[in-house]
């Protein structure tokens, strides 16, 4: 902290004599003022430490407040909106397939009921002059239609369903970094 110097004078009281030079500020002090100066330096060091502690506390608070930033909330809103759009589109596609399948099965049921009614009518009337091969062919067609339903395809459209979001971060004077985040679907 201090070195002994035998000439010059004390920075505070201007007295000459046995003086010490402060390593920090290179000023000369007599013994009594050197003690005061050291106390002042300790006080300044304590203030710097307190300022560091306050800054550390502010950093902790900033981490907790991050979720409340409007930019984070905006991204979360975009996320929810995008997910809802995707879910809605997927649900519409599934409903289309379910409706088509239900319609297909109902049509087979209708044709089978018609064929069954014709068979019953023929049985009641004891009419054996009917072409059985025609009914067998109709029944085979219905069976094939049941076990080989129409093909359904899921084709991805190249038109984006969800818009991109771009997050830009420009840091302050100590951290000069620009981060760009582009999310694509």
Protein backbone atom coordinates (compact mmCIF):
# COMPACT_ATOMS: atom_id res chain seq x y z
CA UNK A 1 0.00 0.00 0.00
CA UNK A 2 2.63 2.55 1.02
CA UNK A 3 6.41 2.98 0.69
CA UNK A 4 8.63 5.05 2.91
CA UNK A 5 9.98 8.28 1.41
CA UNK A 6 12.22 10.75 3.30
CA UNK A 7 11.74 13.97 1.32
CA UNK A 8 8.86 16.14 0.14
CA UNK A 9 5.75 16.85 2.19
CA UNK A 10 2.39 15.27 3.20
CA UNK A 11 -0.36 15.74 0.64
CA UNK A 12 -2.86 16.64 3.37
CA UNK A 13 -1.03 18.66 6.04
CA UNK A 14 2.01 19.75 3.97
CA UNK A 15 4.38 18.69 6.79
CA UNK A 16 7.78 17.32 5.93
CA UNK A 17 9.40 14.40 7.63
CA UNK A 18 8.88 10.69 7.53
CA UNK A 19 6.34 10.17 4.71
CA UNK A 20 4.86 7.14 2.98
CA UNK A 21 3.85 6.92 -0.66
CA UNK A 22 0.51 5.31 -1.48
CA UNK A 23 0.89 2.59 -4.14
CA UNK A 24 -2.61 3.25 -5.42
CA UNK A 25 -2.49 7.00 -6.01
CA UNK A 26 1.29 7.70 -5.65
CA UNK A 27 0.64 10.55 -3.19
CA UNK A 28 2.74 11.18 -0.07
CA UNK A 29 1.26 11.04 3.44
CA UNK A 30 2.47 11.43 7.01
CA UNK A 31 1.66 8.53 9.35
CA UNK A 32 -1.60 9.94 10.72
CA UNK A 33 -2.90 10.94 7.30
CA UNK A 34 -1.74 7.63 5.78
CA UNK A 35 -4.06 5.85 8.21
CA UNK A 36 -6.90 8.20 7.23
CA UNK A 37 -6.11 7.66 3.55
CA UNK A 38 -6.11 3.87 3.99
CA UNK A 39 -9.45 4.11 5.79
CA UNK A 40 -10.82 6.18 2.90
CA UNK A 41 -9.56 3.60 0.38
CA UNK A 42 -11.17 0.78 2.41
CA UNK A 43 -14.39 2.77 2.49
CA UNK A 44 -14.27 3.22 -1.32
CA UNK A 45 -13.51 -0.51 -1.71
CA UNK A 46 -16.51 -1.32 0.48
CA UNK A 47 -18.68 0.98 -1.64
CA UNK A 48 -17.50 -0.78 -4.80
CA UNK A 49 -18.30 -4.12 -3.14
CA UNK A 50 -21.75 -2.86 -2.19
CA UNK A 51 -22.32 -1.62 -5.74
CA UNK A 52 -21.30 -5.07 -7.04
CA UNK A 53 -23.75 -6.70 -4.63
CA UNK A 54 -26.54 -4.37 -5.78
CA UNK A 55 -25.74 -5.14 -9.40
CA UNK A 56 -25.77 -8.88 -8.63
CA UNK A 57 -29.16 -8.46 -6.94
CA UNK A 58 -30.43 -6.55 -9.98
CA UNK A 59 -29.25 -9.39 -12.23
CA UNK A 60 -31.21 -11.89 -10.16
CA UNK A 61 -34.30 -9.68 -10.36
CA UNK A 62 -33.84 -9.29 -14.13
CA UNK A 63 -33.86 -13.08 -14.54
CA UNK A 64 -37.15 -13.30 -12.69
CA UNK A 65 -38.66 -10.40 -14.65
CA UNK A 66 -37.64 -11.90 -17.99
CA UNK A 67 -40.96 -13.71 -18.32
CA UNK A 68 -42.84 -10.43 -17.97
CA UNK A 69 -41.03 -8.64 -20.78
CA UNK A 70 -43.37 -7.62 -23.55
CA UNK A 71 -41.12 -9.16 -26.22
CA UNK A 72 -41.24 -12.54 -24.45
CA UNK A 73 -45.01 -12.23 -24.10
CA UNK A 74 -45.27 -11.34 -27.78
CA UNK A 75 -43.29 -14.46 -28.75
CA UNK A 76 -45.43 -16.60 -26.45
CA UNK A 77 -48.58 -15.16 -28.03
CA UNK A 78 -47.17 -15.94 -31.51
CA UNK A 79 -46.38 -19.47 -30.30
CA UNK A 80 -49.92 -20.05 -28.97
CA UNK A 81 -51.49 -18.58 -32.12
CA UNK A 82 -49.26 -20.72 -34.37
CA UNK A 83 -49.98 -23.89 -32.41
CA UNK A 84 -53.72 -23.16 -32.55
CA UNK A 85 -53.53 -22.67 -36.32
CA UNK A 86 -51.70 -25.97 -36.74
CA UNK A 87 -54.14 -27.80 -34.47
CA UNK A 88 -57.13 -26.30 -36.27
CA UNK A 89 -55.76 -27.26 -39.69
CA UNK A 90 -54.95 -30.79 -38.50
CA UNK A 91 -58.41 -31.13 -36.95
CA UNK A 92 -60.08 -29.97 -40.19
CA UNK A 93 -58.06 -32.52 -42.20
CA UNK A 94 -58.96 -35.33 -39.76
CA UNK A 95 -62.64 -34.35 -39.82
CA UNK A 96 -62.64 -34.42 -43.62
CA UNK A 97 -61.25 -37.96 -43.60
CA UNK A 98 -63.71 -39.06 -40.89
CA UNK A 99 -66.69 -37.56 -42.76
CA UNK A 100 -65.56 -39.16 -46.01
CA UNK A 101 -65.09 -42.54 -44.32
CA UNK A 102 -68.50 -42.28 -42.63
CA UNK A 103 -70.14 -41.37 -45.94
CA UNK A 104 -68.35 -44.27 -47.68
CA UNK A 105 -69.52 -46.77 -45.03
CA UNK A 106 -73.07 -45.37 -45.08
CA UNK A 107 -73.19 -45.80 -48.87
CA UNK A 108 -72.05 -49.43 -48.58
CA UNK A 109 -74.68 -49.95 -45.85
CA UNK A 110 -77.38 -48.44 -48.08
CA UNK A 111 -76.47 -50.66 -51.03
CA UNK A 112 -76.22 -53.75 -48.81
CA UNK A 113 -79.67 -53.01 -47.35
CA UNK A 114 -81.06 -52.68 -50.89
CA UNK A 115 -79.48 -55.99 -51.92
CA UNK A 116 -80.77 -57.70 -48.76
CA UNK A 117 -84.31 -56.41 -49.43
CA UNK A 118 -84.16 -57.77 -52.98
CA UNK A 119 -83.00 -61.16 -51.67
CA UNK A 120 -85.86 -61.28 -49.15
CA UNK A 121 -88.42 -60.29 -51.78
CA UNK A 122 -87.18 -63.00 -54.10
CA UNK A 123 -87.21 -65.59 -51.29
CA UNK A 124 -90.77 -64.71 -50.31
CA UNK A 125 -92.02 -64.81 -53.85
CA UNK A 126 -90.29 -68.12 -54.44
CA UNK A 127 -88.87 -66.64 -57.58
CA UNK A 128 -85.86 -68.79 -58.49
CA UNK A 129 -85.51 -67.50 -61.99
CA UNK A 130 -83.22 -64.69 -60.80
CA UNK A 131 -79.66 -64.42 -61.96
CA UNK A 132 -77.69 -65.33 -58.82
CA UNK A 133 -74.40 -64.43 -60.47
CA UNK A 134 -75.52 -60.79 -60.62
CA UNK A 135 -76.17 -60.75 -56.86
CA UNK A 136 -72.87 -62.49 -56.16
CA UNK A 137 -71.12 -59.84 -58.25
CA UNK A 138 -72.89 -57.03 -56.35
CA UNK A 139 -71.98 -58.62 -53.01
CA UNK A 140 -68.32 -58.97 -54.11
CA UNK A 141 -68.26 -55.30 -55.12
CA UNK A 142 -69.64 -54.24 -51.73
CA UNK A 143 -67.12 -56.46 -49.90
CA UNK A 144 -64.26 -55.00 -51.93
CA UNK A 145 -65.50 -51.45 -51.31
CA UNK A 146 -65.61 -52.16 -47.57
CA UNK A 147 -62.13 -53.67 -47.33
CA UNK A 148 -60.53 -51.38 -49.88
CA UNK A 149 -61.74 -47.93 -48.90
CA UNK A 150 -60.75 -44.85 -50.87
CA UNK A 151 -57.17 -43.74 -50.42
CA UNK A 152 -56.61 -40.70 -48.31
CA UNK A 153 -53.45 -38.66 -48.68
CA UNK A 154 -51.86 -36.06 -46.48
CA UNK A 155 -50.05 -33.65 -48.78
CA UNK A 156 -48.08 -30.78 -47.30
CA UNK A 157 -48.87 -27.46 -48.89
CA UNK A 158 -45.85 -25.28 -49.62
CA UNK A 159 -47.79 -22.20 -48.51
CA UNK A 160 -46.67 -21.44 -44.95
CA UNK A 161 -49.41 -21.98 -42.43
CA UNK A 162 -47.51 -20.10 -39.75
CA UNK A 163 -45.64 -16.87 -40.30
CA UNK A 164 -42.03 -16.59 -39.20
CA UNK A 165 -41.03 -14.64 -36.15
CA UNK A 166 -37.74 -12.80 -35.95
CA UNK A 167 -36.22 -11.92 -32.59
CA UNK A 168 -33.38 -9.41 -32.69
CA UNK A 169 -31.17 -8.62 -29.74
CA UNK A 170 -28.72 -5.76 -29.74
CA UNK A 171 -26.61 -5.66 -26.63
CA UNK A 172 -25.34 -2.54 -24.83
CA UNK A 173 -21.92 -0.97 -25.05
CA UNK A 174 -20.16 -3.74 -23.10
CA UNK A 175 -21.60 -6.63 -25.07
CA UNK A 176 -21.65 -5.75 -28.73
CA UNK A 177 -23.37 -8.80 -30.15
CA UNK A 178 -26.39 -8.99 -32.39
CA UNK A 179 -28.43 -12.18 -32.22
CA UNK A 180 -31.09 -12.87 -34.83
CA UNK A 181 -33.45 -15.78 -34.34
CA UNK A 182 -35.64 -16.80 -37.25
CA UNK A 183 -38.17 -19.51 -36.55
CA UNK A 184 -39.65 -21.23 -39.57
CA UNK A 185 -42.27 -23.91 -39.73
